[in-house]
Amino acid sequence: MQNLKQYEKQSELLKALAHPVRLCIVKGLIENQCNVTKMQECLGLPQSTVSQHLAKLKAAGIIEGERKGLEICYKVVNKEVCEIAEVLFH
């Protein structure tokens, strides 16, 4: 019998990525670290919406934010997500 815990973990990761805006955010953050304001401008969405998506990605362990002065710069820290993105976007 396969270890279902491993599948559960992978499933949660895929659920976090399974939204077009979050997928776009992850792809953008793999290419360039940036803050919410920059993402908001690129996506054309309200800051609150972008922040909600970032919170889900952060809770899933996909991204981390580093405070730089008054802003937080986000980056992808999950190597599995980088591999998934490479398959999806290449």
N, C-alpha and C. Protein backbone atom coordinates (compact mmCIF):
# COMPACT_ATOMS: atom_id res chain seq x y z
N MET A 1 0.84 -1.20 0.00
CA MET A 1 0.00 0.00 0.00
C MET A 1 0.88 1.25 0.00
N GLN A 2 0.54 2.19 -0.84
CA GLN A 2 1.30 3.44 -0.92
C GLN A 2 1.07 4.28 0.34
N ASN A 3 2.01 5.11 0.65
CA ASN A 3 1.90 5.99 1.80
C ASN A 3 0.95 7.15 1.44
N LEU A 4 -0.27 7.12 1.96
CA LEU A 4 -1.28 8.14 1.62
C LEU A 4 -0.91 9.51 2.15
N LYS A 5 -0.12 9.58 3.21
CA LYS A 5 0.30 10.89 3.75
C LYS A 5 1.07 11.67 2.69
N GLN A 6 1.92 10.97 1.95
CA GLN A 6 2.69 11.64 0.89
C GLN A 6 1.76 12.20 -0.18
N TYR A 7 0.74 11.43 -0.56
CA TYR A 7 -0.22 11.90 -1.55
C TYR A 7 -1.04 13.06 -1.01
N GLU A 8 -1.32 13.03 0.27
CA GLU A 8 -2.08 14.12 0.90
C GLU A 8 -1.30 15.42 0.81
N LYS A 9 -0.01 15.34 1.12
CA LYS A 9 0.86 16.52 1.07
C LYS A 9 0.91 17.08 -0.36
N GLN A 10 1.10 16.20 -1.34
CA GLN A 10 1.17 16.64 -2.73
C GLN A 10 -0.16 17.22 -3.19
N SER A 11 -1.24 16.61 -2.74
CA SER A 11 -2.58 17.09 -3.09
C SER A 11 -2.81 18.51 -2.58
N GLU A 12 -2.39 18.78 -1.35
CA GLU A 12 -2.54 20.13 -0.78
C GLU A 12 -1.73 21.15 -1.57
N LEU A 13 -0.55 20.74 -2.00
CA LEU A 13 0.28 21.62 -2.81
C LEU A 13 -0.42 21.95 -4.14
N LEU A 14 -0.97 20.93 -4.77
CA LEU A 14 -1.67 21.15 -6.04
C LEU A 14 -2.93 21.99 -5.86
N LYS A 15 -3.62 21.81 -4.75
CA LYS A 15 -4.82 22.62 -4.47
C LYS A 15 -4.45 24.10 -4.37
N ALA A 16 -3.33 24.37 -3.71
CA ALA A 16 -2.89 25.77 -3.55
C ALA A 16 -2.54 26.39 -4.89
N LEU A 17 -2.04 25.57 -5.81
CA LEU A 17 -1.66 26.08 -7.13
C LEU A 17 -2.83 26.11 -8.11
N ALA A 18 -3.93 25.45 -7.77
CA ALA A 18 -5.03 25.25 -8.72
C ALA A 18 -5.96 26.44 -8.84
N HIS A 19 -5.39 27.60 -9.00
CA HIS A 19 -6.17 28.82 -9.25
C HIS A 19 -5.34 29.66 -10.22
N PRO A 20 -5.95 30.19 -11.26
CA PRO A 20 -5.18 30.93 -12.28
C PRO A 20 -4.36 32.09 -11.71
N VAL A 21 -4.91 32.82 -10.75
CA VAL A 21 -4.17 33.96 -10.19
C VAL A 21 -2.98 33.47 -9.38
N ARG A 22 -3.17 32.44 -8.58
CA ARG A 22 -2.05 31.92 -7.77
C ARG A 22 -0.97 31.33 -8.67
N LEU A 23 -1.38 30.66 -9.73
CA LEU A 23 -0.41 30.11 -10.68
C LEU A 23 0.38 31.23 -11.34
N CYS A 24 -0.30 32.29 -11.69
CA CYS A 24 0.35 33.46 -12.29
C CYS A 24 1.33 34.10 -11.29
N ILE A 25 0.91 34.22 -10.04
CA ILE A 25 1.78 34.79 -9.01
C ILE A 25 3.03 33.94 -8.85
N VAL A 26 2.86 32.62 -8.76
CA VAL A 26 4.00 31.72 -8.59
C VAL A 26 4.96 31.83 -9.78
N LYS A 27 4.42 31.80 -10.99
CA LYS A 27 5.27 31.92 -12.17
C LYS A 27 6.05 33.24 -12.14
N GLY A 28 5.36 34.32 -11.79
CA GLY A 28 6.02 35.63 -11.72
C GLY A 28 7.09 35.68 -10.64
N LEU A 29 6.82 35.05 -9.49
CA LEU A 29 7.79 35.08 -8.39
C LEU A 29 8.99 34.18 -8.65
N ILE A 30 8.81 33.15 -9.46
CA ILE A 30 9.96 32.32 -9.83
C ILE A 30 10.90 33.14 -10.70
N GLU A 31 10.33 33.96 -11.57
CA GLU A 31 11.13 34.80 -12.47
C GLU A 31 11.74 36.00 -11.75
N ASN A 32 10.97 36.64 -10.86
CA ASN A 32 11.42 37.84 -10.14
C ASN A 32 10.74 37.93 -8.79
N GLN A 33 11.54 38.15 -7.75
CA GLN A 33 10.94 38.42 -6.44
C GLN A 33 10.31 39.80 -6.51
N CYS A 34 9.17 39.99 -5.84
CA CYS A 34 8.58 41.33 -5.82
C CYS A 34 7.59 41.48 -4.67
N ASN A 35 7.04 42.68 -4.56
CA ASN A 35 6.10 42.99 -3.48
C ASN A 35 4.66 42.99 -4.00
N VAL A 36 3.72 43.17 -3.08
CA VAL A 36 2.30 43.12 -3.42
C VAL A 36 1.92 44.21 -4.42
N THR A 37 2.46 45.40 -4.26
CA THR A 37 2.12 46.51 -5.15
C THR A 37 2.48 46.18 -6.60
N LYS A 38 3.66 45.62 -6.81
CA LYS A 38 4.10 45.24 -8.16
C LYS A 38 3.19 44.15 -8.72
N MET A 39 2.85 43.16 -7.88
CA MET A 39 1.96 42.09 -8.34
C MET A 39 0.59 42.64 -8.69
N GLN A 40 0.11 43.55 -7.87
CA GLN A 40 -1.20 44.17 -8.08
C GLN A 40 -1.22 44.88 -9.43
N GLU A 41 -0.16 45.61 -9.74
CA GLU A 41 -0.06 46.32 -11.02
C GLU A 41 -0.04 45.34 -12.19
N CYS A 42 0.73 44.27 -12.06
CA CYS A 42 0.84 43.28 -13.14
C CYS A 42 -0.46 42.52 -13.37
N LEU A 43 -1.14 42.18 -12.28
CA LEU A 43 -2.35 41.38 -12.38
C LEU A 43 -3.60 42.20 -12.63
N GLY A 44 -3.55 43.49 -12.29
CA GLY A 44 -4.72 44.35 -12.43
C GLY A 44 -5.83 43.99 -11.45
N LEU A 45 -5.43 43.55 -10.26
CA LEU A 45 -6.39 43.16 -9.22
C LEU A 45 -6.22 44.03 -8.00
N PRO A 46 -7.27 44.13 -7.16
CA PRO A 46 -7.14 44.90 -5.92
C PRO A 46 -6.08 44.29 -5.00
N GLN A 47 -5.46 45.14 -4.21
CA GLN A 47 -4.42 44.70 -3.28
C GLN A 47 -4.93 43.64 -2.33
N SER A 48 -6.17 43.77 -1.88
CA SER A 48 -6.73 42.81 -0.93
C SER A 48 -6.85 41.42 -1.57
N THR A 49 -7.20 41.36 -2.84
CA THR A 49 -7.31 40.08 -3.55
C THR A 49 -5.95 39.42 -3.68
N VAL A 50 -4.95 40.20 -4.08
CA VAL A 50 -3.60 39.68 -4.22
C VAL A 50 -3.10 39.18 -2.85
N SER A 51 -3.36 39.93 -1.80
CA SER A 51 -2.94 39.53 -0.45
C SER A 51 -3.59 38.22 -0.01
N GLN A 52 -4.85 38.02 -0.36
CA GLN A 52 -5.53 36.77 -0.01
C GLN A 52 -4.87 35.58 -0.72
N HIS A 53 -4.53 35.75 -1.98
CA HIS A 53 -3.86 34.67 -2.71
C HIS A 53 -2.47 34.42 -2.13
N LEU A 54 -1.76 35.48 -1.78
CA LEU A 54 -0.43 35.32 -1.17
C LEU A 54 -0.53 34.57 0.15
N ALA A 55 -1.57 34.86 0.93
CA ALA A 55 -1.76 34.18 2.22
C ALA A 55 -1.94 32.67 2.01
N LYS A 56 -2.69 32.28 0.98
CA LYS A 56 -2.88 30.84 0.71
C LYS A 56 -1.58 30.19 0.27
N LEU A 57 -0.83 30.87 -0.56
CA LEU A 57 0.46 30.33 -1.01
C LEU A 57 1.44 30.22 0.16
N LYS A 58 1.42 31.20 1.03
CA LYS A 58 2.30 31.19 2.19
C LYS A 58 1.92 30.07 3.15
N ALA A 59 0.62 29.89 3.40
CA ALA A 59 0.14 28.84 4.29
C ALA A 59 0.50 27.45 3.77
N ALA A 60 0.60 27.32 2.44
CA ALA A 60 0.94 26.04 1.82
C ALA A 60 2.46 25.81 1.78
N GLY A 61 3.22 26.80 2.25
CA GLY A 61 4.67 26.66 2.27
C GLY A 61 5.31 26.84 0.90
N ILE A 62 4.62 27.52 0.01
CA ILE A 62 5.12 27.71 -1.35
C ILE A 62 5.97 28.97 -1.46
N ILE A 63 5.56 30.02 -0.76
CA ILE A 63 6.30 31.29 -0.81
C ILE A 63 6.65 31.75 0.61
N GLU A 64 7.59 32.68 0.66
CA GLU A 64 7.94 33.36 1.90
C GLU A 64 8.12 34.84 1.58
N GLY A 65 7.88 35.65 2.59
CA GLY A 65 8.08 37.08 2.42
C GLY A 65 9.21 37.57 3.30
N GLU A 66 10.01 38.47 2.76
CA GLU A 66 11.11 39.07 3.51
C GLU A 66 10.89 40.57 3.58
N ARG A 67 10.84 41.09 4.80
CA ARG A 67 10.60 42.52 4.97
C ARG A 67 11.82 43.33 4.55
N LYS A 68 11.55 44.31 3.70
CA LYS A 68 12.59 45.26 3.27
C LYS A 68 12.03 46.65 3.48
N GLY A 69 12.35 47.25 4.60
CA GLY A 69 11.78 48.56 4.94
C GLY A 69 10.30 48.43 5.21
N LEU A 70 9.49 49.18 4.48
CA LEU A 70 8.04 49.16 4.68
C LEU A 70 7.33 48.09 3.85
N GLU A 71 8.04 47.46 2.94
CA GLU A 71 7.37 46.46 2.10
C GLU A 71 7.92 45.06 2.35
N ILE A 72 7.16 44.09 1.88
CA ILE A 72 7.57 42.69 1.99
C ILE A 72 7.81 42.17 0.58
N CYS A 73 8.98 41.61 0.36
CA CYS A 73 9.36 41.06 -0.94
C CYS A 73 9.14 39.55 -0.87
N TYR A 74 8.35 39.02 -1.79
CA TYR A 74 8.00 37.60 -1.79
C TYR A 74 8.85 36.82 -2.78
N LYS A 75 9.08 35.53 -2.44
CA LYS A 75 9.80 34.64 -3.33
C LYS A 75 9.29 33.21 -3.14
N VAL A 76 9.44 32.38 -4.16
CA VAL A 76 9.06 30.97 -4.09
C VAL A 76 10.19 30.23 -3.38
N VAL A 77 9.83 29.44 -2.37
CA VAL A 77 10.83 28.71 -1.60
C VAL A 77 10.66 27.19 -1.71
N ASN A 78 9.61 26.74 -2.35
CA ASN A 78 9.33 25.31 -2.46
C ASN A 78 9.89 24.79 -3.79
N LYS A 79 10.90 23.93 -3.72
CA LYS A 79 11.56 23.41 -4.93
C LYS A 79 10.61 22.56 -5.78
N GLU A 80 9.72 21.81 -5.13
CA GLU A 80 8.75 20.99 -5.88
C GLU A 80 7.86 21.87 -6.75
N VAL A 81 7.47 23.02 -6.21
CA VAL A 81 6.63 23.95 -6.98
C VAL A 81 7.39 24.50 -8.17
N CYS A 82 8.67 24.77 -8.00
CA CYS A 82 9.48 25.24 -9.13
C CYS A 82 9.53 24.17 -10.23
N GLU A 83 9.64 22.91 -9.82
CA GLU A 83 9.66 21.81 -10.79
C GLU A 83 8.31 21.68 -11.51
N ILE A 84 7.23 21.80 -10.75
CA ILE A 84 5.88 21.74 -11.32
C ILE A 84 5.70 22.88 -12.34
N ALA A 85 6.12 24.07 -11.94
CA ALA A 85 5.98 25.24 -12.82
C ALA A 85 6.79 25.06 -14.11
N GLU A 86 7.97 24.48 -13.99
CA GLU A 86 8.79 24.26 -15.18
C GLU A 86 8.07 23.33 -16.16
N VAL A 87 7.44 22.29 -15.66
CA VAL A 87 6.70 21.37 -16.52
C VAL A 87 5.50 22.09 -17.15
N LEU A 88 4.78 22.90 -16.35
CA LEU A 88 3.59 23.58 -16.84
C LEU A 88 3.90 24.68 -17.87
N PHE A 89 5.00 25.37 -17.70
CA PHE A 89 5.25 26.56 -18.50
C PHE A 89 6.33 26.39 -19.58
N HIS A 90 6.88 25.20 -19.72
CA HIS A 90 7.91 25.01 -20.78
C HIS A 90 7.50 23.96 -21.75
